[in-house]
Amino acid sequence: MRATFRWTRVVLAMLCAFTLMAGSAQAKKTVFETGFDEWLAAEADFAGWQMSGAGLSADGRLVLDPVTAVQETDPYAAGAYYGGSFYTGGTYWVGEATGPVVTVAFDLDELVPSWNAVTPTGS
């Protein structure tokens, strides 16, 4: 009985060591890659973008185009969207700016877009 218990402990210890070594080898193969693209109004980076209901200000910022922007209505009444408002509960203007295709040299699992914007009250 003691010999069986001793051998069981040895086998378990070897399995744990092998698992740790295999996990470490796998972790070394994993490479985290990232990329970053930035478009700046001050450098006229939005000039080549496709616009629908949007345009560029004199200083290169993206702005709604009051002539071509589309007015839509909030599909939910004020306060009816999970106890809050989806937009404002009323009407709003829609414009779209589509940037260039960005290719990356690695497989992509996640993309996190981020914008800085100055917007009017209620938007």
PDB file of N, CA and C in Angstrom:
ATOM      1  N   MET A   1       0.824  -1.186   0.000  1.00  0.00           N
ATOM      2  CA  MET A   1       0.000   0.000   0.000  1.00  0.00           C
ATOM      3  C   MET A   1       0.871   1.254   0.000  1.00  0.00           C
ATOM      4  N   ARG A   2       1.924   1.256   0.839  1.00  0.00           N
ATOM      5  CA  ARG A   2       2.825   2.401   0.901  1.00  0.00           C
ATOM      6  C   ARG A   2       3.561   2.588  -0.417  1.00  0.00           C
ATOM      7  N   ALA A   3       3.959   1.506  -1.043  1.00  0.00           N
ATOM      8  CA  ALA A   3       4.681   1.587  -2.318  1.00  0.00           C
ATOM      9  C   ALA A   3       3.758   2.167  -3.404  1.00  0.00           C
ATOM     10  N   THR A   4       2.510   1.742  -3.417  1.00  0.00           N
ATOM     11  CA  THR A   4       1.551   2.247  -4.398  1.00  0.00           C
ATOM     12  C   THR A   4       1.334   3.746  -4.190  1.00  0.00           C
ATOM     13  N   PHE A   5       1.199   4.178  -2.935  1.00  0.00           N
ATOM     14  CA  PHE A   5       1.003   5.575  -2.616  1.00  0.00           C
ATOM     15  C   PHE A   5       2.214   6.401  -3.046  1.00  0.00           C
ATOM     16  N   ARG A   6       3.413   5.867  -2.793  1.00  0.00           N
ATOM     17  CA  ARG A   6       4.648   6.553  -3.160  1.00  0.00           C
ATOM     18  C   ARG A   6       4.742   6.707  -4.676  1.00  0.00           C
ATOM     19  N   TRP A   7       4.445   5.631  -5.426  1.00  0.00           N
ATOM     20  CA  TRP A   7       4.494   5.681  -6.889  1.00  0.00           C
ATOM     21  C   TRP A   7       3.441   6.645  -7.439  1.00  0.00           C
ATOM     22  N   THR A   8       2.293   6.689  -6.811  1.00  0.00           N
ATOM     23  CA  THR A   8       1.241   7.605  -7.243  1.00  0.00           C
ATOM     24  C   THR A   8       1.710   9.046  -7.087  1.00  0.00           C
ATOM     25  N   ARG A   9       2.380   9.349  -5.967  1.00  0.00           N
ATOM     26  CA  ARG A   9       2.906  10.693  -5.754  1.00  0.00           C
ATOM     27  C   ARG A   9       3.976  11.041  -6.780  1.00  0.00           C
ATOM     28  N   VAL A  10       4.826  10.100  -7.104  1.00  0.00           N
ATOM     29  CA  VAL A  10       5.890  10.338  -8.091  1.00  0.00           C
ATOM     30  C   VAL A  10       5.268  10.611  -9.466  1.00  0.00           C
ATOM     31  N   VAL A  11       4.294   9.800  -9.858  1.00  0.00           N
ATOM     32  CA  VAL A  11       3.639   9.976 -11.159  1.00  0.00           C
ATOM     33  C   VAL A  11       2.921  11.321 -11.211  1.00  0.00           C
ATOM     34  N   LEU A  12       2.201  11.686 -10.150  1.00  0.00           N
ATOM     35  CA  LEU A  12       1.509  12.969 -10.116  1.00  0.00           C
ATOM     36  C   LEU A  12       2.498  14.137 -10.191  1.00  0.00           C
ATOM     37  N   ALA A  13       3.606  14.029  -9.495  1.00  0.00           N
ATOM     38  CA  ALA A  13       4.626  15.081  -9.529  1.00  0.00           C
ATOM     39  C   ALA A  13       5.194  15.226 -10.942  1.00  0.00           C
ATOM     40  N   MET A  14       5.434  14.105 -11.595  1.00  0.00           N
ATOM     41  CA  MET A  14       5.969  14.150 -12.966  1.00  0.00           C
ATOM     42  C   MET A  14       4.941  14.760 -13.922  1.00  0.00           C
ATOM     43  N   LEU A  15       3.672  14.401 -13.761  1.00  0.00           N
ATOM     44  CA  LEU A  15       2.624  14.973 -14.614  1.00  0.00           C
ATOM     45  C   LEU A  15       2.524  16.484 -14.421  1.00  0.00           C
ATOM     46  N   CYS A  16       2.592  16.930 -13.174  1.00  0.00           N
ATOM     47  CA  CYS A  16       2.534  18.371 -12.903  1.00  0.00           C
ATOM     48  C   CYS A  16       3.728  19.086 -13.537  1.00  0.00           C
ATOM     49  N   ALA A  17       4.909  18.539 -13.391  1.00  0.00           N
ATOM     50  CA  ALA A  17       6.103  19.148 -13.971  1.00  0.00           C
ATOM     51  C   ALA A  17       6.001  19.207 -15.493  1.00  0.00           C
ATOM     52  N   PHE A  18       5.537  18.129 -16.116  1.00  0.00           N
ATOM     53  CA  PHE A  18       5.385  18.094 -17.568  1.00  0.00           C
ATOM     54  C   PHE A  18       4.358  19.127 -18.037  1.00  0.00           C
ATOM     55  N   THR A  19       3.261  19.232 -17.305  1.00  0.00           N
ATOM     56  CA  THR A  19       2.224  20.207 -17.658  1.00  0.00           C
ATOM     57  C   THR A  19       2.763  21.628 -17.582  1.00  0.00           C
ATOM     58  N   LEU A  20       3.536  21.942 -16.541  1.00  0.00           N
ATOM     59  CA  LEU A  20       4.122  23.268 -16.402  1.00  0.00           C
ATOM     60  C   LEU A  20       5.109  23.558 -17.527  1.00  0.00           C
ATOM     61  N   MET A  21       5.929  22.572 -17.881  1.00  0.00           N
ATOM     62  CA  MET A  21       6.897  22.757 -18.961  1.00  0.00           C
ATOM     63  C   MET A  21       6.177  22.953 -20.293  1.00  0.00           C
ATOM     64  N   ALA A  22       5.154  22.156 -20.554  1.00  0.00           N
ATOM     65  CA  ALA A  22       4.417  22.276 -21.807  1.00  0.00           C
ATOM     66  C   ALA A  22       3.697  23.621 -21.871  1.00  0.00           C
ATOM     67  N   GLY A  23       3.133  24.066 -20.752  1.00  0.00           N
ATOM     68  CA  GLY A  23       2.462  25.356 -20.707  1.00  0.00           C
ATOM     69  C   GLY A  23       3.434  26.501 -20.940  1.00  0.00           C
ATOM     70  N   SER A  24       4.630  26.418 -20.376  1.00  0.00           N
ATOM     71  CA  SER A  24       5.638  27.449 -20.572  1.00  0.00           C
ATOM     72  C   SER A  24       6.091  27.505 -22.022  1.00  0.00           C
ATOM     73  N   ALA A  25       6.263  26.350 -22.640  1.00  0.00           N
ATOM     74  CA  ALA A  25       6.671  26.314 -24.043  1.00  0.00           C
ATOM     75  C   ALA A  25       5.586  26.925 -24.921  1.00  0.00           C
ATOM     76  N   GLN A  26       4.320  26.622 -24.624  1.00  0.00           N
ATOM     77  CA  GLN A  26       3.214  27.184 -25.400  1.00  0.00           C
ATOM     78  C   GLN A  26       3.144  28.694 -25.197  1.00  0.00           C
ATOM     79  N   ALA A  27       3.342  29.165 -23.973  1.00  0.00           N
ATOM     80  CA  ALA A  27       3.283  30.595 -23.689  1.00  0.00           C
ATOM     81  C   ALA A  27       4.371  31.342 -24.451  1.00  0.00           C
ATOM     82  N   LYS A  28       5.527  30.738 -24.627  1.00  0.00           N
ATOM     83  CA  LYS A  28       6.613  31.386 -25.357  1.00  0.00           C
ATOM     84  C   LYS A  28       6.279  31.512 -26.838  1.00  0.00           C
ATOM     85  N   LYS A  29       5.429  30.636 -27.367  1.00  0.00           N
ATOM     86  CA  LYS A  29       5.052  30.690 -28.774  1.00  0.00           C
ATOM     87  C   LYS A  29       4.018  31.778 -29.039  1.00  0.00           C
ATOM     88  N   THR A  30       3.260  32.170 -28.018  1.00  0.00           N
ATOM     89  CA  THR A  30       2.225  33.182 -28.177  1.00  0.00           C
ATOM     90  C   THR A  30       2.870  34.554 -28.293  1.00  0.00           C
ATOM     91  N   VAL A  31       2.534  35.267 -29.361  1.00  0.00           N
ATOM     92  CA  VAL A  31       3.091  36.591 -29.584  1.00  0.00           C
ATOM     93  C   VAL A  31       1.937  37.586 -29.641  1.00  0.00           C
ATOM     94  N   PHE A  32       2.014  38.605 -28.847  1.00  0.00           N
ATOM     95  CA  PHE A  32       1.003  39.649 -28.841  1.00  0.00           C
ATOM     96  C   PHE A  32       1.444  40.732 -29.813  1.00  0.00           C
ATOM     97  N   GLU A  33       0.598  41.013 -30.792  1.00  0.00           N
ATOM     98  CA  GLU A  33       0.918  42.052 -31.761  1.00  0.00           C
ATOM     99  C   GLU A  33      -0.155  43.120 -31.709  1.00  0.00           C
ATOM    100  N   THR A  34       0.232  44.336 -31.964  1.00  0.00           N
ATOM    101  CA  THR A  34      -0.713  45.433 -31.964  1.00  0.00           C
ATOM    102  C   THR A  34      -0.368  46.393 -33.087  1.00  0.00           C
ATOM    103  N   GLY A  35      -1.312  47.188 -33.433  1.00  0.00           N
ATOM    104  CA  GLY A  35      -1.087  48.207 -34.449  1.00  0.00           C
ATOM    105  C   GLY A  35      -1.813  49.466 -34.037  1.00  0.00           C
ATOM    106  N   PHE A  36      -1.467  50.567 -34.659  1.00  0.00           N
ATOM    107  CA  PHE A  36      -2.097  51.834 -34.309  1.00  0.00           C
ATOM    108  C   PHE A  36      -2.110  52.712 -35.551  1.00  0.00           C
ATOM    109  N   ASP A  37      -3.284  53.207 -35.900  1.00  0.00           N
ATOM    110  CA  ASP A  37      -3.428  54.167 -36.988  1.00  0.00           C
ATOM    111  C   ASP A  37      -4.139  55.384 -36.428  1.00  0.00           C
ATOM    112  N   GLU A  38      -3.711  56.542 -36.849  1.00  0.00           N
ATOM    113  CA  GLU A  38      -4.288  57.784 -36.332  1.00  0.00           C
ATOM    114  C   GLU A  38      -4.543  58.734 -37.498  1.00  0.00           C
ATOM    115  N   TRP A  39      -5.711  59.343 -37.498  1.00  0.00           N
ATOM    116  CA  TRP A  39      -6.054  60.363 -38.485  1.00  0.00           C
ATOM    117  C   TRP A  39      -6.280  61.667 -37.740  1.00  0.00           C
ATOM    118  N   LEU A  40      -5.649  62.715 -38.199  1.00  0.00           N
ATOM    119  CA  LEU A  40      -5.737  64.005 -37.528  1.00  0.00           C
ATOM    120  C   LEU A  40      -6.296  65.063 -38.477  1.00  0.00           C
ATOM    121  N   ALA A  41      -7.265  65.829 -37.990  1.00  0.00           N
ATOM    122  CA  ALA A  41      -7.840  66.903 -38.783  1.00  0.00           C
ATOM    123  C   ALA A  41      -6.782  67.942 -39.132  1.00  0.00           C
ATOM    124  N   ALA A  42      -5.893  68.232 -38.187  1.00  0.00           N
ATOM    125  CA  ALA A  42      -4.862  69.249 -38.397  1.00  0.00           C
ATOM    126  C   ALA A  42      -3.904  68.892 -39.536  1.00  0.00           C
ATOM    127  N   GLU A  43      -3.843  67.619 -39.885  1.00  0.00           N
ATOM    128  CA  GLU A  43      -2.958  67.181 -40.969  1.00  0.00           C
ATOM    129  C   GLU A  43      -3.740  66.814 -42.227  1.00  0.00           C
ATOM    130  N   ALA A  44      -5.023  67.216 -42.283  1.00  0.00           N
ATOM    131  CA  ALA A  44      -5.902  66.975 -43.437  1.00  0.00           C
ATOM    132  C   ALA A  44      -6.056  65.482 -43.746  1.00  0.00           C
ATOM    133  N   ASP A  45      -6.009  64.643 -42.722  1.00  0.00           N
ATOM    134  CA  ASP A  45      -6.090  63.190 -42.919  1.00  0.00           C
ATOM    135  C   ASP A  45      -7.462  62.706 -43.364  1.00  0.00           C
ATOM    136  N   PHE A  46      -8.512  63.517 -43.201  1.00  0.00           N
ATOM    137  CA  PHE A  46      -9.861  63.093 -43.592  1.00  0.00           C
ATOM    138  C   PHE A  46     -10.201  63.495 -45.028  1.00  0.00           C
ATOM    139  N   ALA A  47      -9.298  64.151 -45.708  1.00  0.00           N
ATOM    140  CA  ALA A  47      -9.573  64.698 -47.041  1.00  0.00           C
ATOM    141  C   ALA A  47      -9.982  63.625 -48.051  1.00  0.00           C
ATOM    142  N   GLY A  48      -9.453  62.439 -47.987  1.00  0.00           N
ATOM    143  CA  GLY A  48      -9.763  61.399 -48.964  1.00  0.00           C
ATOM    144  C   GLY A  48     -10.905  60.479 -48.561  1.00  0.00           C
ATOM    145  N   TRP A  49     -11.551  60.750 -47.450  1.00  0.00           N
ATOM    146  CA  TRP A  49     -12.624  59.881 -46.965  1.00  0.00           C
ATOM    147  C   TRP A  49     -13.895  60.080 -47.783  1.00  0.00           C
ATOM    148  N   GLN A  50     -14.712  59.033 -47.861  1.00  0.00           N
ATOM    149  CA  GLN A  50     -16.013  59.112 -48.517  1.00  0.00           C
ATOM    150  C   GLN A  50     -17.005  59.719 -47.530  1.00  0.00           C
ATOM    151  N   MET A  51     -17.771  60.703 -47.989  1.00  0.00           N
ATOM    152  CA  MET A  51     -18.708  61.402 -47.104  1.00  0.00           C
ATOM    153  C   MET A  51     -20.144  61.248 -47.590  1.00  0.00           C
ATOM    154  N   SER A  52     -21.034  61.063 -46.646  1.00  0.00           N
ATOM    155  CA  SER A  52     -22.468  61.041 -46.915  1.00  0.00           C
ATOM    156  C   SER A  52     -23.148  61.718 -45.728  1.00  0.00           C
ATOM    157  N   GLY A  53     -23.638  62.912 -45.936  1.00  0.00           N
ATOM    158  CA  GLY A  53     -24.233  63.653 -44.831  1.00  0.00           C
ATOM    159  C   GLY A  53     -23.192  64.274 -43.928  1.00  0.00           C
ATOM    160  N   ALA A  54     -21.946  64.233 -44.337  1.00  0.00           N
ATOM    161  CA  ALA A  54     -20.847  64.805 -43.561  1.00  0.00           C
ATOM    162  C   ALA A  54     -19.925  65.549 -44.520  1.00  0.00           C
ATOM    163  N   GLY A  55     -19.051  66.337 -43.959  1.00  0.00           N
ATOM    164  CA  GLY A  55     -18.089  67.072 -44.760  1.00  0.00           C
ATOM    165  C   GLY A  55     -16.931  67.495 -43.891  1.00  0.00           C
ATOM    166  N   LEU A  56     -16.102  68.359 -44.437  1.00  0.00           N
ATOM    167  CA  LEU A  56     -14.937  68.837 -43.702  1.00  0.00           C
ATOM    168  C   LEU A  56     -15.073  70.329 -43.446  1.00  0.00           C
ATOM    169  N   SER A  57     -14.702  70.744 -42.245  1.00  0.00           N
ATOM    170  CA  SER A  57     -14.673  72.174 -41.926  1.00  0.00           C
ATOM    171  C   SER A  57     -13.416  72.777 -42.558  1.00  0.00           C
ATOM    172  N   ALA A  58     -13.272  74.096 -42.471  1.00  0.00           N
ATOM    173  CA  ALA A  58     -12.113  74.775 -43.046  1.00  0.00           C
ATOM    174  C   ALA A  58     -10.800  74.277 -42.453  1.00  0.00           C
ATOM    175  N   ASP A  59     -10.838  73.832 -41.185  1.00  0.00           N
ATOM    176  CA  ASP A  59      -9.597  73.347 -40.553  1.00  0.00           C
ATOM    177  C   ASP A  59      -9.451  71.826 -40.635  1.00  0.00           C
ATOM    178  N   GLY A  60     -10.276  71.158 -41.458  1.00  0.00           N
ATOM    179  CA  GLY A  60     -10.116  69.725 -41.708  1.00  0.00           C
ATOM    180  C   GLY A  60     -10.890  68.806 -40.789  1.00  0.00           C
ATOM    181  N   ARG A  61     -11.704  69.343 -39.868  1.00  0.00           N
ATOM    182  CA  ARG A  61     -12.478  68.497 -38.965  1.00  0.00           C
ATOM    183  C   ARG A  61     -13.694  67.916 -39.683  1.00  0.00           C
ATOM    184  N   LEU A  62     -14.098  66.714 -39.281  1.00  0.00           N
ATOM    185  CA  LEU A  62     -15.331  66.121 -39.789  1.00  0.00           C
ATOM    186  C   LEU A  62     -16.514  66.834 -39.155  1.00  0.00           C
ATOM    187  N   VAL A  63     -17.497  67.225 -39.970  1.00  0.00           N
ATOM    188  CA  VAL A  63     -18.687  67.901 -39.470  1.00  0.00           C
ATOM    189  C   VAL A  63     -19.898  67.379 -40.232  1.00  0.00           C
ATOM    190  N   LEU A  64     -21.071  67.510 -39.627  1.00  0.00           N
ATOM    191  CA  LEU A  64     -22.304  67.195 -40.340  1.00  0.00           C
ATOM    192  C   LEU A  64     -22.507  68.227 -41.437  1.00  0.00           C
ATOM    193  N   ASP A  65     -22.943  67.772 -42.590  1.00  0.00           N
ATOM    194  CA  ASP A  65     -23.266  68.665 -43.693  1.00  0.00           C
ATOM    195  C   ASP A  65     -24.755  68.961 -43.615  1.00  0.00           C
ATOM    196  N   PRO A  66     -25.145  70.204 -43.298  1.00  0.00           N
ATOM    197  CA  PRO A  66     -26.565  70.502 -43.101  1.00  0.00           C
ATOM    198  C   PRO A  66     -27.404  70.315 -44.368  1.00  0.00           C
ATOM    199  N   VAL A  67     -26.774  70.288 -45.519  1.00  0.00           N
ATOM    200  CA  VAL A  67     -27.523  70.121 -46.766  1.00  0.00           C
ATOM    201  C   VAL A  67     -27.805  68.645 -47.056  1.00  0.00           C
ATOM    202  N   THR A  68     -26.826  67.762 -46.774  1.00  0.00           N
ATOM    203  CA  THR A  68     -26.984  66.349 -47.149  1.00  0.00           C
ATOM    204  C   THR A  68     -27.210  65.407 -45.970  1.00  0.00           C
ATOM    205  N   ALA A  69     -27.086  65.899 -44.725  1.00  0.00           N
ATOM    206  CA  ALA A  69     -27.345  65.044 -43.558  1.00  0.00           C
ATOM    207  C   ALA A  69     -28.818  64.625 -43.561  1.00  0.00           C
ATOM    208  N   VAL A  70     -29.090  63.456 -43.034  1.00  0.00           N
ATOM    209  CA  VAL A  70     -30.443  62.900 -43.021  1.00  0.00           C
ATOM    210  C   VAL A  70     -31.006  63.008 -41.604  1.00  0.00           C
ATOM    211  N   GLN A  71     -32.239  63.468 -41.504  1.00  0.00           N
ATOM    212  CA  GLN A  71     -32.878  63.544 -40.190  1.00  0.00           C
ATOM    213  C   GLN A  71     -33.632  62.243 -39.930  1.00  0.00           C
ATOM    214  N   GLU A  72     -33.383  61.659 -38.778  1.00  0.00           N
ATOM    215  CA  GLU A  72     -34.062  60.431 -38.376  1.00  0.00           C
ATOM    216  C   GLU A  72     -34.739  60.657 -37.035  1.00  0.00           C
ATOM    217  N   THR A  73     -35.599  59.714 -36.667  1.00  0.00           N
ATOM    218  CA  THR A  73     -36.332  59.809 -35.409  1.00  0.00           C
ATOM    219  C   THR A  73     -35.963  58.632 -34.523  1.00  0.00           C
ATOM    220  N   ASP A  74     -35.754  58.918 -33.255  1.00  0.00           N
ATOM    221  CA  ASP A  74     -35.434  57.884 -32.275  1.00  0.00           C
ATOM    222  C   ASP A  74     -36.516  56.806 -32.324  1.00  0.00           C
ATOM    223  N   PRO A  75     -36.136  55.523 -32.486  1.00  0.00           N
ATOM    224  CA  PRO A  75     -37.148  54.462 -32.548  1.00  0.00           C
ATOM    225  C   PRO A  75     -37.832  54.207 -31.209  1.00  0.00           C
ATOM    226  N   TYR A  76     -37.325  54.794 -30.148  1.00  0.00           N
ATOM    227  CA  TYR A  76     -37.909  54.616 -28.818  1.00  0.00           C
ATOM    228  C   TYR A  76     -38.350  55.971 -28.277  1.00  0.00           C
ATOM    229  N   ALA A  77     -39.476  55.992 -27.607  1.00  0.00           N
ATOM    230  CA  ALA A  77     -39.917  57.218 -26.942  1.00  0.00           C
ATOM    231  C   ALA A  77     -38.925  57.555 -25.823  1.00  0.00           C
ATOM    232  N   ALA A  78     -38.878  58.810 -25.426  1.00  0.00           N
ATOM    233  CA  ALA A  78     -37.982  59.231 -24.351  1.00  0.00           C
ATOM    234  C   ALA A  78     -38.212  58.370 -23.108  1.00  0.00           C
ATOM    235  N   GLY A  79     -37.140  57.774 -22.590  1.00  0.00           N
ATOM    236  CA  GLY A  79     -37.212  56.941 -21.390  1.00  0.00           C
ATOM    237  C   GLY A  79     -37.660  55.515 -21.617  1.00  0.00           C
ATOM    238  N   ALA A  80     -37.956  55.125 -22.860  1.00  0.00           N
ATOM    239  CA  ALA A  80     -38.479  53.779 -23.138  1.00  0.00           C
ATOM    240  C   ALA A  80     -37.400  52.759 -23.486  1.00  0.00           C
ATOM    241  N   TYR A  81     -36.161  53.167 -23.589  1.00  0.00           N
ATOM    242  CA  TYR A  81     -35.075  52.245 -23.918  1.00  0.00           C
ATOM    243  C   TYR A  81     -34.382  51.802 -22.633  1.00  0.00           C
ATOM    244  N   TYR A  82     -34.792  50.668 -22.095  1.00  0.00           N
ATOM    245  CA  TYR A  82     -34.247  50.136 -20.839  1.00  0.00           C
ATOM    246  C   TYR A  82     -34.221  51.196 -19.737  1.00  0.00           C
ATOM    247  N   GLY A  83     -35.271  51.984 -19.661  1.00  0.00           N
ATOM    248  CA  GLY A  83     -35.365  52.989 -18.610  1.00  0.00           C
ATOM    249  C   GLY A  83     -34.651  54.295 -18.936  1.00  0.00           C
ATOM    250  N   GLY A  84     -34.050  54.373 -20.117  1.00  0.00           N
ATOM    251  CA  GLY A  84     -33.350  55.596 -20.526  1.00  0.00           C
ATOM    252  C   GLY A  84     -33.722  55.928 -21.957  1.00  0.00           C
ATOM    253  N   SER A  85     -32.946  56.782 -22.560  1.00  0.00           N
ATOM    254  CA  SER A  85     -33.208  57.162 -23.940  1.00  0.00           C
ATOM    255  C   SER A  85     -32.136  56.585 -24.843  1.00  0.00           C
ATOM    256  N   PHE A  86     -32.548  56.071 -26.014  1.00  0.00           N
ATOM    257  CA  PHE A  86     -31.611  55.533 -26.991  1.00  0.00           C
ATOM    258  C   PHE A  86     -30.799  56.679 -27.576  1.00  0.00           C
ATOM    259  N   TYR A  87     -31.447  57.696 -28.047  1.00  0.00           N
ATOM    260  CA  TYR A  87     -30.813  58.960 -28.431  1.00  0.00           C
ATOM    261  C   TYR A  87     -31.399  60.018 -27.510  1.00  0.00           C
ATOM    262  N   THR A  88     -32.297  60.826 -28.028  1.00  0.00           N
ATOM    263  CA  THR A  88     -32.906  61.869 -27.206  1.00  0.00           C
ATOM    264  C   THR A  88     -34.406  61.681 -27.070  1.00  0.00           C
ATOM    265  N   GLY A  89     -34.929  60.641 -27.707  1.00  0.00           N
ATOM    266  CA  GLY A  89     -36.369  60.442 -27.717  1.00  0.00           C
ATOM    267  C   GLY A  89     -37.043  61.233 -28.822  1.00  0.00           C
ATOM    268  N   GLY A  90     -36.279  61.990 -29.577  1.00  0.00           N
ATOM    269  CA  GLY A  90     -36.832  62.826 -30.644  1.00  0.00           C
ATOM    270  C   GLY A  90     -36.120  62.576 -31.963  1.00  0.00           C
ATOM    271  N   THR A  91     -35.872  63.656 -32.701  1.00  0.00           N
ATOM    272  CA  THR A  91     -35.203  63.549 -33.992  1.00  0.00           C
ATOM    273  C   THR A  91     -33.725  63.880 -33.843  1.00  0.00           C
ATOM    274  N   TYR A  92     -32.946  63.441 -34.815  1.00  0.00           N
ATOM    275  CA  TYR A  92     -31.506  63.697 -34.824  1.00  0.00           C
ATOM    276  C   TYR A  92     -31.019  63.653 -36.268  1.00  0.00           C
ATOM    277  N   TRP A  93     -29.820  64.170 -36.497  1.00  0.00           N
ATOM    278  CA  TRP A  93     -29.220  64.212 -37.832  1.00  0.00           C
ATOM    279  C   TRP A  93     -28.154  63.146 -37.955  1.00  0.00           C
ATOM    280  N   VAL A  94     -28.057  62.555 -39.144  1.00  0.00           N
ATOM    281  CA  VAL A  94     -27.106  61.466 -39.390  1.00  0.00           C
ATOM    282  C   VAL A  94     -26.202  61.820 -40.559  1.00  0.00           C
ATOM    283  N   GLY A  95     -24.923  61.645 -40.361  1.00  0.00           N
ATOM    284  CA  GLY A  95     -23.932  61.780 -41.420  1.00  0.00           C
ATOM    285  C   GLY A  95     -22.947  60.636 -41.286  1.00  0.00           C
ATOM    286  N   GLU A  96     -22.249  60.340 -42.353  1.00  0.00           N
ATOM    287  CA  GLU A  96     -21.330  59.205 -42.345  1.00  0.00           C
ATOM    288  C   GLU A  96     -20.028  59.590 -43.033  1.00  0.00           C
ATOM    289  N   ALA A  97     -18.924  59.175 -42.444  1.00  0.00           N
ATOM    290  CA  ALA A  97     -17.607  59.365 -43.040  1.00  0.00           C
ATOM    291  C   ALA A  97     -16.909  58.007 -43.028  1.00  0.00           C
ATOM    292  N   THR A  98     -16.520  57.538 -44.194  1.00  0.00           N
ATOM    293  CA  THR A  98     -15.898  56.217 -44.308  1.00  0.00           C
ATOM    294  C   THR A  98     -14.436  56.388 -44.698  1.00  0.00           C
ATOM    295  N   GLY A  99     -13.556  55.875 -43.852  1.00  0.00           N
ATOM    296  CA  GLY A  99     -12.123  55.996 -44.076  1.00  0.00           C
ATOM    297  C   GLY A  99     -11.590  54.904 -44.982  1.00  0.00           C
ATOM    298  N   PRO A 100     -10.303  54.939 -45.232  1.00  0.00           N
ATOM    299  CA  PRO A 100      -9.672  53.958 -46.112  1.00  0.00           C
ATOM    300  C   PRO A 100      -9.590  52.582 -45.451  1.00  0.00           C
ATOM    301  N   VAL A 101      -9.429  51.556 -46.282  1.00  0.00           N
ATOM    302  CA  VAL A 101      -9.208  50.203 -45.774  1.00  0.00           C
ATOM    303  C   VAL A 101      -7.815  50.166 -45.150  1.00  0.00           C
ATOM    304  N   VAL A 102      -7.734  49.594 -43.976  1.00  0.00           N
ATOM    305  CA  VAL A 102      -6.456  49.483 -43.280  1.00  0.00           C
ATOM    306  C   VAL A 102      -6.095  48.005 -43.202  1.00  0.00           C
ATOM    307  N   THR A 103      -4.963  47.636 -43.739  1.00  0.00           N
ATOM    308  CA  THR A 103      -4.517  46.242 -43.672  1.00  0.00           C
ATOM    309  C   THR A 103      -3.481  46.103 -42.558  1.00  0.00           C
ATOM    310  N   VAL A 104      -3.434  44.926 -41.976  1.00  0.00           N
ATOM    311  CA  VAL A 104      -2.449  44.634 -40.934  1.00  0.00           C
ATOM    312  C   VAL A 104      -1.657  43.405 -41.341  1.00  0.00           C
ATOM    313  N   ALA A 105      -0.467  43.272 -40.809  1.00  0.00           N
ATOM    314  CA  ALA A 105       0.422  42.177 -41.176  1.00  0.00           C
ATOM    315  C   ALA A 105       0.268  40.970 -40.255  1.00  0.00           C
ATOM    316  N   PHE A 106      -0.826  40.916 -39.502  1.00  0.00           N
ATOM    317  CA  PHE A 106      -1.037  39.812 -38.570  1.00  0.00           C
ATOM    318  C   PHE A 106      -2.523  39.550 -38.450  1.00  0.00           C
ATOM    319  N   ASP A 107      -2.883  38.361 -37.929  1.00  0.00           N
ATOM    320  CA  ASP A 107      -4.288  38.027 -37.730  1.00  0.00           C
ATOM    321  C   ASP A 107      -4.885  38.954 -36.684  1.00  0.00           C
ATOM    322  N   LEU A 108      -6.132  39.302 -36.912  1.00  0.00           N
ATOM    323  CA  LEU A 108      -6.809  40.256 -36.050  1.00  0.00           C
ATOM    324  C   LEU A 108      -7.903  39.558 -35.266  1.00  0.00           C
ATOM    325  N   ASP A 109      -7.846  39.644 -33.932  1.00  0.00           N
ATOM    326  CA  ASP A 109      -8.875  39.061 -33.068  1.00  0.00           C
ATOM    327  C   ASP A 109      -9.794  40.130 -32.502  1.00  0.00           C
ATOM    328  N   GLU A 110      -9.308  41.348 -32.406  1.00  0.00           N
ATOM    329  CA  GLU A 110     -10.080  42.390 -31.754  1.00  0.00           C
ATOM    330  C   GLU A 110      -9.688  43.737 -32.348  1.00  0.00           C
ATOM    331  N   LEU A 111     -10.670  44.611 -32.469  1.00  0.00           N
ATOM    332  CA  LEU A 111     -10.438  45.961 -32.960  1.00  0.00           C
ATOM    333  C   LEU A 111     -11.138  46.924 -32.022  1.00  0.00           C
ATOM    334  N   VAL A 112     -10.437  47.938 -31.571  1.00  0.00           N
ATOM    335  CA  VAL A 112     -11.010  48.904 -30.642  1.00  0.00           C
ATOM    336  C   VAL A 112     -10.912  50.293 -31.263  1.00  0.00           C
ATOM    337  N   PRO A 113     -12.004  50.764 -31.892  1.00  0.00           N
ATOM    338  CA  PRO A 113     -11.979  52.119 -32.442  1.00  0.00           C
ATOM    339  C   PRO A 113     -12.205  53.148 -31.343  1.00  0.00           C
ATOM    340  N   SER A 114     -11.667  54.328 -31.534  1.00  0.00           N
ATOM    341  CA  SER A 114     -11.816  55.381 -30.541  1.00  0.00           C
ATOM    342  C   SER A 114     -11.862  56.722 -31.265  1.00  0.00           C
ATOM    343  N   TRP A 115     -12.769  57.595 -30.816  1.00  0.00           N
ATOM    344  CA  TRP A 115     -12.919  58.915 -31.424  1.00  0.00           C
ATOM    345  C   TRP A 115     -12.883  59.979 -30.352  1.00  0.00           C
ATOM    346  N   ASN A 116     -12.319  61.115 -30.689  1.00  0.00           N
ATOM    347  CA  ASN A 116     -12.467  62.327 -29.883  1.00  0.00           C
ATOM    348  C   ASN A 116     -13.379  63.231 -30.679  1.00  0.00           C
ATOM    349  N   ALA A 117     -14.413  63.763 -30.058  1.00  0.00           N
ATOM    350  CA  ALA A 117     -15.380  64.570 -30.791  1.00  0.00           C
ATOM    351  C   ALA A 117     -15.890  65.712 -29.937  1.00  0.00           C
ATOM    352  N   VAL A 118     -16.164  66.824 -30.596  1.00  0.00           N
ATOM    353  CA  VAL A 118     -16.866  67.948 -29.974  1.00  0.00           C
ATOM    354  C   VAL A 118     -18.271  67.907 -30.530  1.00  0.00           C
ATOM    355  N   THR A 119     -19.254  67.760 -29.649  1.00  0.00           N
ATOM    356  CA  THR A 119     -20.643  67.617 -30.096  1.00  0.00           C
ATOM    357  C   THR A 119     -21.529  68.634 -29.375  1.00  0.00           C
ATOM    358  N   PRO A 120     -22.616  69.021 -30.020  1.00  0.00           N
ATOM    359  CA  PRO A 120     -23.527  69.968 -29.364  1.00  0.00           C
ATOM    360  C   PRO A 120     -24.303  69.298 -28.237  1.00  0.00           C
ATOM    361  N   THR A 121     -24.842  70.090 -27.339  1.00  0.00           N
ATOM    362  CA  THR A 121     -25.649  69.593 -26.235  1.00  0.00           C
ATOM    363  C   THR A 121     -26.803  68.747 -26.768  1.00  0.00           C
ATOM    364  N   GLY A 122     -27.030  67.599 -26.145  1.00  0.00           N
ATOM    365  CA  GLY A 122     -28.124  66.718 -26.539  1.00  0.00           C
ATOM    366  C   GLY A 122     -27.750  65.697 -27.587  1.00  0.00           C
ATOM    367  N   SER A 123     -26.513  65.706 -28.033  1.00  0.00           N
ATOM    368  CA  SER A 123     -26.107  64.745 -29.058  1.00  0.00           C
ATOM    369  C   SER A 123     -25.434  63.548 -28.430  1.00  0.00           C
TER     370      SER A 123
END
